[in-house]
Amino acid sequence: MSKATIADKQPKAVEVEEGKTYAWCACGDSSNQPFCDGSHGGTNFSPKVFKAEKTKTVYLCMCKQTGNPGFCDGSHKHL
């Protein structure tokens, strides 16, 4: 399995809306970070799709090394 491209070494704060579906980029190659734009095509990566349970600010992983796909878990501090 290949490693994801590190898009940034800090999370991105994003306001998500209750009931809306989002697709987090897992490969790191999307030009629409932190969201998927289909750049993973032909790779072993696929986006993490999630539906916001409520409207709030979330911190999405940009280093792509998180153990909680989509969301920052502090893994960027060890890169």
PDB file of N, CA and C in Angstrom:
ATOM      1  N   MET A   1       0.840  -1.185   0.000  1.00  0.00           N
ATOM      2  CA  MET A   1       0.000   0.000   0.000  1.00  0.00           C
ATOM      3  C   MET A   1       0.879   1.240   0.000  1.00  0.00           C
ATOM      4  N   SER A   2       0.594   2.175  -0.889  1.00  0.00           N
ATOM      5  CA  SER A   2       1.393   3.390  -0.956  1.00  0.00           C
ATOM      6  C   SER A   2       0.949   4.368   0.122  1.00  0.00           C
ATOM      7  N   LYS A   3       1.835   5.309   0.415  1.00  0.00           N
ATOM      8  CA  LYS A   3       1.530   6.314   1.431  1.00  0.00           C
ATOM      9  C   LYS A   3       0.824   7.498   0.797  1.00  0.00           C
ATOM     10  N   ALA A   4      -0.051   8.103   1.565  1.00  0.00           N
ATOM     11  CA  ALA A   4      -0.772   9.290   1.109  1.00  0.00           C
ATOM     12  C   ALA A   4       0.172  10.491   1.062  1.00  0.00           C
ATOM     13  N   THR A   5      -0.121  11.417   0.188  1.00  0.00           N
ATOM     14  CA  THR A   5       0.610  12.676   0.100  1.00  0.00           C
ATOM     15  C   THR A   5       0.196  13.556   1.269  1.00  0.00           C
ATOM     16  N   ILE A   6       1.165  14.143   1.950  1.00  0.00           N
ATOM     17  CA  ILE A   6       0.867  15.067   3.050  1.00  0.00           C
ATOM     18  C   ILE A   6       0.476  16.403   2.440  1.00  0.00           C
ATOM     19  N   ALA A   7      -0.784  16.794   2.626  1.00  0.00           N
ATOM     20  CA  ALA A   7      -1.278  18.057   2.065  1.00  0.00           C
ATOM     21  C   ALA A   7      -0.858  19.238   2.933  1.00  0.00           C
ATOM     22  N   ASP A   8      -0.742  19.023   4.249  1.00  0.00           N
ATOM     23  CA  ASP A   8      -0.347  20.066   5.192  1.00  0.00           C
ATOM     24  C   ASP A   8      -0.014  19.377   6.505  1.00  0.00           C
ATOM     25  N   LYS A   9       0.723  20.044   7.365  1.00  0.00           N
ATOM     26  CA  LYS A   9       1.099  19.452   8.653  1.00  0.00           C
ATOM     27  C   LYS A   9       0.311  20.062   9.801  1.00  0.00           C
ATOM     28  N   GLN A  10      -0.885  20.525   9.506  1.00  0.00           N
ATOM     29  CA  GLN A  10      -1.807  20.989  10.535  1.00  0.00           C
ATOM     30  C   GLN A  10      -3.224  20.751  10.038  1.00  0.00           C
ATOM     31  N   PRO A  11      -4.176  20.575  10.947  1.00  0.00           N
ATOM     32  CA  PRO A  11      -5.551  20.315  10.519  1.00  0.00           C
ATOM     33  C   PRO A  11      -6.198  21.556   9.918  1.00  0.00           C
ATOM     34  N   LYS A  12      -7.309  21.350   9.230  1.00  0.00           N
ATOM     35  CA  LYS A  12      -8.068  22.460   8.656  1.00  0.00           C
ATOM     36  C   LYS A  12      -9.419  22.524   9.351  1.00  0.00           C
ATOM     37  N   ALA A  13      -9.728  23.678   9.926  1.00  0.00           N
ATOM     38  CA  ALA A  13     -11.022  23.884  10.564  1.00  0.00           C
ATOM     39  C   ALA A  13     -12.068  24.105   9.481  1.00  0.00           C
ATOM     40  N   VAL A  14     -13.139  23.325   9.546  1.00  0.00           N
ATOM     41  CA  VAL A  14     -14.206  23.398   8.547  1.00  0.00           C
ATOM     42  C   VAL A  14     -15.549  23.412   9.267  1.00  0.00           C
ATOM     43  N   GLU A  15     -16.426  24.301   8.840  1.00  0.00           N
ATOM     44  CA  GLU A  15     -17.796  24.337   9.357  1.00  0.00           C
ATOM     45  C   GLU A  15     -18.618  23.353   8.540  1.00  0.00           C
ATOM     46  N   VAL A  16     -19.119  22.307   9.199  1.00  0.00           N
ATOM     47  CA  VAL A  16     -19.977  21.337   8.519  1.00  0.00           C
ATOM     48  C   VAL A  16     -21.430  21.605   8.901  1.00  0.00           C
ATOM     49  N   GLU A  17     -22.324  21.282   7.982  1.00  0.00           N
ATOM     50  CA  GLU A  17     -23.744  21.536   8.196  1.00  0.00           C
ATOM     51  C   GLU A  17     -24.488  20.239   8.477  1.00  0.00           C
ATOM     52  N   GLU A  18     -25.342  20.265   9.483  1.00  0.00           N
ATOM     53  CA  GLU A  18     -26.141  19.107   9.871  1.00  0.00           C
ATOM     54  C   GLU A  18     -26.854  18.504   8.672  1.00  0.00           C
ATOM     55  N   GLY A  19     -26.709  17.177   8.518  1.00  0.00           N
ATOM     56  CA  GLY A  19     -27.388  16.453   7.455  1.00  0.00           C
ATOM     57  C   GLY A  19     -26.675  16.444   6.120  1.00  0.00           C
ATOM     58  N   LYS A  20     -25.641  17.258   5.961  1.00  0.00           N
ATOM     59  CA  LYS A  20     -24.907  17.320   4.701  1.00  0.00           C
ATOM     60  C   LYS A  20     -23.824  16.233   4.673  1.00  0.00           C
ATOM     61  N   THR A  21     -23.594  15.668   3.491  1.00  0.00           N
ATOM     62  CA  THR A  21     -22.593  14.615   3.311  1.00  0.00           C
ATOM     63  C   THR A  21     -21.304  15.214   2.754  1.00  0.00           C
ATOM     64  N   TYR A  22     -20.185  14.755   3.296  1.00  0.00           N
ATOM     65  CA  TYR A  22     -18.854  15.239   2.902  1.00  0.00           C
ATOM     66  C   TYR A  22     -17.976  14.057   2.529  1.00  0.00           C
ATOM     67  N   ALA A  23     -17.016  14.288   1.639  1.00  0.00           N
ATOM     68  CA  ALA A  23     -16.054  13.257   1.239  1.00  0.00           C
ATOM     69  C   ALA A  23     -14.649  13.792   1.482  1.00  0.00           C
ATOM     70  N   TRP A  24     -14.021  13.300   2.544  1.00  0.00           N
ATOM     71  CA  TRP A  24     -12.664  13.710   2.917  1.00  0.00           C
ATOM     72  C   TRP A  24     -11.647  13.028   2.025  1.00  0.00           C
ATOM     73  N   CYS A  25     -10.694  13.783   1.519  1.00  0.00           N
ATOM     74  CA  CYS A  25      -9.628  13.247   0.675  1.00  0.00           C
ATOM     75  C   CYS A  25      -8.661  12.420   1.511  1.00  0.00           C
ATOM     76  N   ALA A  26      -8.503  11.153   1.152  1.00  0.00           N
ATOM     77  CA  ALA A  26      -7.590  10.251   1.859  1.00  0.00           C
ATOM     78  C   ALA A  26      -6.223  10.162   1.190  1.00  0.00           C
ATOM     79  N   CYS A  27      -6.152  10.491  -0.112  1.00  0.00           N
ATOM     80  CA  CYS A  27      -4.889  10.319  -0.845  1.00  0.00           C
ATOM     81  C   CYS A  27      -3.947  11.517  -0.696  1.00  0.00           C
ATOM     82  N   GLY A  28      -4.506  12.690  -0.420  1.00  0.00           N
ATOM     83  CA  GLY A  28      -3.697  13.896  -0.265  1.00  0.00           C
ATOM     84  C   GLY A  28      -3.443  14.641  -1.560  1.00  0.00           C
ATOM     85  N   ASP A  29      -3.938  14.141  -2.685  1.00  0.00           N
ATOM     86  CA  ASP A  29      -3.659  14.754  -3.980  1.00  0.00           C
ATOM     87  C   ASP A  29      -4.768  15.670  -4.503  1.00  0.00           C
ATOM     88  N   SER A  30      -5.879  15.754  -3.800  1.00  0.00           N
ATOM     89  CA  SER A  30      -6.993  16.601  -4.243  1.00  0.00           C
ATOM     90  C   SER A  30      -6.579  18.071  -4.292  1.00  0.00           C
ATOM     91  N   SER A  31      -7.061  18.787  -5.292  1.00  0.00           N
ATOM     92  CA  SER A  31      -6.807  20.227  -5.362  1.00  0.00           C
ATOM     93  C   SER A  31      -7.874  20.987  -4.589  1.00  0.00           C
ATOM     94  N   ASN A  32      -8.791  20.240  -3.957  1.00  0.00           N
ATOM     95  CA  ASN A  32      -9.885  20.825  -3.181  1.00  0.00           C
ATOM     96  C   ASN A  32      -9.779  20.400  -1.708  1.00  0.00           C
ATOM     97  N   GLN A  33      -8.544  20.374  -1.177  1.00  0.00           N
ATOM     98  CA  GLN A  33      -8.303  19.928   0.206  1.00  0.00           C
ATOM     99  C   GLN A  33      -9.168  20.694   1.197  1.00  0.00           C
ATOM    100  N   PRO A  34      -9.685  20.012   2.200  1.00  0.00           N
ATOM    101  CA  PRO A  34      -9.471  18.620   2.572  1.00  0.00           C
ATOM    102  C   PRO A  34     -10.471  17.658   1.942  1.00  0.00           C
ATOM    103  N   PHE A  35     -11.186  18.121   0.931  1.00  0.00           N
ATOM    104  CA  PHE A  35     -12.229  17.299   0.324  1.00  0.00           C
ATOM    105  C   PHE A  35     -11.750  16.619  -0.962  1.00  0.00           C
ATOM    106  N   CYS A  36     -12.384  15.512  -1.287  1.00  0.00           N
ATOM    107  CA  CYS A  36     -12.044  14.698  -2.451  1.00  0.00           C
ATOM    108  C   CYS A  36     -12.467  15.384  -3.753  1.00  0.00           C
ATOM    109  N   ASP A  37     -11.594  15.305  -4.757  1.00  0.00           N
ATOM    110  CA  ASP A  37     -11.945  15.770  -6.101  1.00  0.00           C
ATOM    111  C   ASP A  37     -11.779  14.651  -7.135  1.00  0.00           C
ATOM    112  N   GLY A  38     -11.583  13.413  -6.654  1.00  0.00           N
ATOM    113  CA  GLY A  38     -11.432  12.267  -7.548  1.00  0.00           C
ATOM    114  C   GLY A  38      -9.999  11.968  -7.938  1.00  0.00           C
ATOM    115  N   SER A  39      -9.033  12.701  -7.394  1.00  0.00           N
ATOM    116  CA  SER A  39      -7.619  12.495  -7.748  1.00  0.00           C
ATOM    117  C   SER A  39      -7.106  11.107  -7.383  1.00  0.00           C
ATOM    118  N   HIS A  40      -7.796  10.391  -6.512  1.00  0.00           N
ATOM    119  CA  HIS A  40      -7.362   9.064  -6.080  1.00  0.00           C
ATOM    120  C   HIS A  40      -7.605   7.992  -7.145  1.00  0.00           C
ATOM    121  N   GLY A  41      -8.272   8.332  -8.229  1.00  0.00           N
ATOM    122  CA  GLY A  41      -8.583   7.356  -9.279  1.00  0.00           C
ATOM    123  C   GLY A  41      -7.360   6.554  -9.689  1.00  0.00           C
ATOM    124  N   GLY A  42      -7.492   5.239  -9.742  1.00  0.00           N
ATOM    125  CA  GLY A  42      -6.387   4.374 -10.131  1.00  0.00           C
ATOM    126  C   GLY A  42      -5.431   4.046  -9.000  1.00  0.00           C
ATOM    127  N   THR A  43      -5.754   4.468  -7.779  1.00  0.00           N
ATOM    128  CA  THR A  43      -4.917   4.175  -6.613  1.00  0.00           C
ATOM    129  C   THR A  43      -5.681   3.268  -5.667  1.00  0.00           C
ATOM    130  N   ASN A  44      -5.042   2.901  -4.563  1.00  0.00           N
ATOM    131  CA  ASN A  44      -5.712   2.082  -3.549  1.00  0.00           C
ATOM    132  C   ASN A  44      -6.411   2.944  -2.499  1.00  0.00           C
ATOM    133  N   PHE A  45      -6.505   4.244  -2.732  1.00  0.00           N
ATOM    134  CA  PHE A  45      -7.166   5.154  -1.799  1.00  0.00           C
ATOM    135  C   PHE A  45      -8.614   5.387  -2.197  1.00  0.00           C
ATOM    136  N   SER A  46      -9.444   5.651  -1.201  1.00  0.00           N
ATOM    137  CA  SER A  46     -10.813   6.078  -1.461  1.00  0.00           C
ATOM    138  C   SER A  46     -11.188   7.086  -0.376  1.00  0.00           C
ATOM    139  N   PRO A  47     -12.061   8.020  -0.701  1.00  0.00           N
ATOM    140  CA  PRO A  47     -12.406   9.056   0.274  1.00  0.00           C
ATOM    141  C   PRO A  47     -13.193   8.490   1.452  1.00  0.00           C
ATOM    142  N   LYS A  48     -13.108   9.174   2.567  1.00  0.00           N
ATOM    143  CA  LYS A  48     -13.912   8.837   3.746  1.00  0.00           C
ATOM    144  C   LYS A  48     -15.156   9.717   3.673  1.00  0.00           C
ATOM    145  N   VAL A  49     -16.291   9.092   3.415  1.00  0.00           N
ATOM    146  CA  VAL A  49     -17.550   9.824   3.297  1.00  0.00           C
ATOM    147  C   VAL A  49     -18.234   9.833   4.661  1.00  0.00           C
ATOM    148  N   PHE A  50     -18.675  11.017   5.087  1.00  0.00           N
ATOM    149  CA  PHE A  50     -19.379  11.113   6.362  1.00  0.00           C
ATOM    150  C   PHE A  50     -20.500  12.141   6.269  1.00  0.00           C
ATOM    151  N   LYS A  51     -21.492  11.947   7.111  1.00  0.00           N
ATOM    152  CA  LYS A  51     -22.631  12.857   7.173  1.00  0.00           C
ATOM    153  C   LYS A  51     -22.553  13.606   8.505  1.00  0.00           C
ATOM    154  N   ALA A  52     -22.621  14.925   8.446  1.00  0.00           N
ATOM    155  CA  ALA A  52     -22.543  15.737   9.664  1.00  0.00           C
ATOM    156  C   ALA A  52     -23.791  15.518  10.510  1.00  0.00           C
ATOM    157  N   GLU A  53     -23.577  15.175  11.764  1.00  0.00           N
ATOM    158  CA  GLU A  53     -24.693  14.947  12.677  1.00  0.00           C
ATOM    159  C   GLU A  53     -25.281  16.254  13.184  1.00  0.00           C
ATOM    160  N   LYS A  54     -24.437  17.296  13.235  1.00  0.00           N
ATOM    161  CA  LYS A  54     -24.930  18.616  13.600  1.00  0.00           C
ATOM    162  C   LYS A  54     -24.016  19.666  12.995  1.00  0.00           C
ATOM    163  N   THR A  55     -24.501  20.881  12.910  1.00  0.00           N
ATOM    164  CA  THR A  55     -23.700  21.979  12.378  1.00  0.00           C
ATOM    165  C   THR A  55     -22.682  22.378  13.436  1.00  0.00           C
ATOM    166  N   LYS A  56     -21.413  22.319  13.058  1.00  0.00           N
ATOM    167  CA  LYS A  56     -20.341  22.672  13.985  1.00  0.00           C
ATOM    168  C   LYS A  56     -19.026  22.762  13.230  1.00  0.00           C
ATOM    169  N   THR A  57     -18.001  23.238  13.922  1.00  0.00           N
ATOM    170  CA  THR A  57     -16.648  23.274  13.369  1.00  0.00           C
ATOM    171  C   THR A  57     -15.956  21.966  13.701  1.00  0.00           C
ATOM    172  N   VAL A  58     -15.379  21.334  12.680  1.00  0.00           N
ATOM    173  CA  VAL A  58     -14.590  20.122  12.878  1.00  0.00           C
ATOM    174  C   VAL A  58     -13.184  20.390  12.352  1.00  0.00           C
ATOM    175  N   TYR A  59     -12.234  19.598  12.806  1.00  0.00           N
ATOM    176  CA  TYR A  59     -10.842  19.740  12.371  1.00  0.00           C
ATOM    177  C   TYR A  59     -10.486  18.524  11.544  1.00  0.00           C
ATOM    178  N   LEU A  60     -10.381  18.751  10.239  1.00  0.00           N
ATOM    179  CA  LEU A  60     -10.114  17.651   9.316  1.00  0.00           C
ATOM    180  C   LEU A  60      -8.614  17.473   9.114  1.00  0.00           C
ATOM    181  N   CYS A  61      -8.207  16.219   9.056  1.00  0.00           N
ATOM    182  CA  CYS A  61      -6.801  15.857   8.900  1.00  0.00           C
ATOM    183  C   CYS A  61      -6.290  16.267   7.521  1.00  0.00           C
ATOM    184  N   MET A  62      -5.148  16.908   7.508  1.00  0.00           N
ATOM    185  CA  MET A  62      -4.499  17.301   6.256  1.00  0.00           C
ATOM    186  C   MET A  62      -3.219  16.504   6.019  1.00  0.00           C
ATOM    187  N   CYS A  63      -2.674  15.873   7.066  1.00  0.00           N
ATOM    188  CA  CYS A  63      -1.439  15.096   6.894  1.00  0.00           C
ATOM    189  C   CYS A  63      -1.736  13.690   6.358  1.00  0.00           C
ATOM    190  N   LYS A  64      -3.000  13.283   6.451  1.00  0.00           N
ATOM    191  CA  LYS A  64      -3.489  11.994   5.930  1.00  0.00           C
ATOM    192  C   LYS A  64      -2.934  10.788   6.682  1.00  0.00           C
ATOM    193  N   GLN A  65      -2.393  11.013   7.884  1.00  0.00           N
ATOM    194  CA  GLN A  65      -1.825   9.929   8.684  1.00  0.00           C
ATOM    195  C   GLN A  65      -2.705   9.586   9.888  1.00  0.00           C
ATOM    196  N   THR A  66      -3.851  10.218  10.019  1.00  0.00           N
ATOM    197  CA  THR A  66      -4.733  10.034  11.171  1.00  0.00           C
ATOM    198  C   THR A  66      -5.200   8.590  11.353  1.00  0.00           C
ATOM    199  N   GLY A  67      -5.408   8.214  12.598  1.00  0.00           N
ATOM    200  CA  GLY A  67      -5.994   6.915  12.912  1.00  0.00           C
ATOM    201  C   GLY A  67      -7.516   6.989  12.943  1.00  0.00           C
ATOM    202  N   ASN A  68      -8.058   8.188  12.767  1.00  0.00           N
ATOM    203  CA  ASN A  68      -9.505   8.433  12.754  1.00  0.00           C
ATOM    204  C   ASN A  68      -9.837   9.101  11.423  1.00  0.00           C
ATOM    205  N   PRO A  69      -9.829   8.340  10.322  1.00  0.00           N
ATOM    206  CA  PRO A  69      -9.958   8.912   8.982  1.00  0.00           C
ATOM    207  C   PRO A  69     -10.972  10.041   8.846  1.00  0.00           C
ATOM    208  N   GLY A  70     -10.445  11.133   8.333  1.00  0.00           N
ATOM    209  CA  GLY A  70     -11.217  12.343   8.149  1.00  0.00           C
ATOM    210  C   GLY A  70     -10.878  13.378   9.192  1.00  0.00           C
ATOM    211  N   PHE A  71     -10.720  12.939  10.410  1.00  0.00           N
ATOM    212  CA  PHE A  71     -10.573  13.879  11.512  1.00  0.00           C
ATOM    213  C   PHE A  71      -9.165  13.851  12.103  1.00  0.00           C
ATOM    214  N   CYS A  72      -8.681  15.011  12.488  1.00  0.00           N
ATOM    215  CA  CYS A  72      -7.339  15.136  13.062  1.00  0.00           C
ATOM    216  C   CYS A  72      -7.265  14.416  14.403  1.00  0.00           C
ATOM    217  N   ASP A  73      -6.204  13.637  14.576  1.00  0.00           N
ATOM    218  CA  ASP A  73      -5.944  12.982  15.864  1.00  0.00           C
ATOM    219  C   ASP A  73      -4.567  13.364  16.406  1.00  0.00           C
ATOM    220  N   GLY A  74      -3.946  14.380  15.808  1.00  0.00           N
ATOM    221  CA  GLY A  74      -2.637  14.845  16.264  1.00  0.00           C
ATOM    222  C   GLY A  74      -1.464  14.149  15.605  1.00  0.00           C
ATOM    223  N   SER A  75      -1.711  13.248  14.653  1.00  0.00           N
ATOM    224  CA  SER A  75      -0.620  12.512  13.997  1.00  0.00           C
ATOM    225  C   SER A  75       0.389  13.435  13.340  1.00  0.00           C
ATOM    226  N   HIS A  76      -0.034  14.618  12.895  1.00  0.00           N
ATOM    227  CA  HIS A  76       0.869  15.573  12.234  1.00  0.00           C
ATOM    228  C   HIS A  76       2.010  16.024  13.140  1.00  0.00           C
ATOM    229  N   LYS A  77       1.834  15.902  14.435  1.00  0.00           N
ATOM    230  CA  LYS A  77       2.875  16.326  15.389  1.00  0.00           C
ATOM    231  C   LYS A  77       4.073  15.393  15.372  1.00  0.00           C
ATOM    232  N   HIS A  78       3.919  14.222  14.751  1.00  0.00           N
ATOM    233  CA  HIS A  78       4.989  13.216  14.735  1.00  0.00           C
ATOM    234  C   HIS A  78       5.642  13.069  13.362  1.00  0.00           C
ATOM    235  N   LEU A  79       5.364  13.987  12.461  1.00  0.00           N
ATOM    236  CA  LEU A  79       5.932  13.893  11.100  1.00  0.00           C
ATOM    237  C   LEU A  79       7.247  14.640  11.014  1.00  0.00           C
TER     238      LEU A  79
END
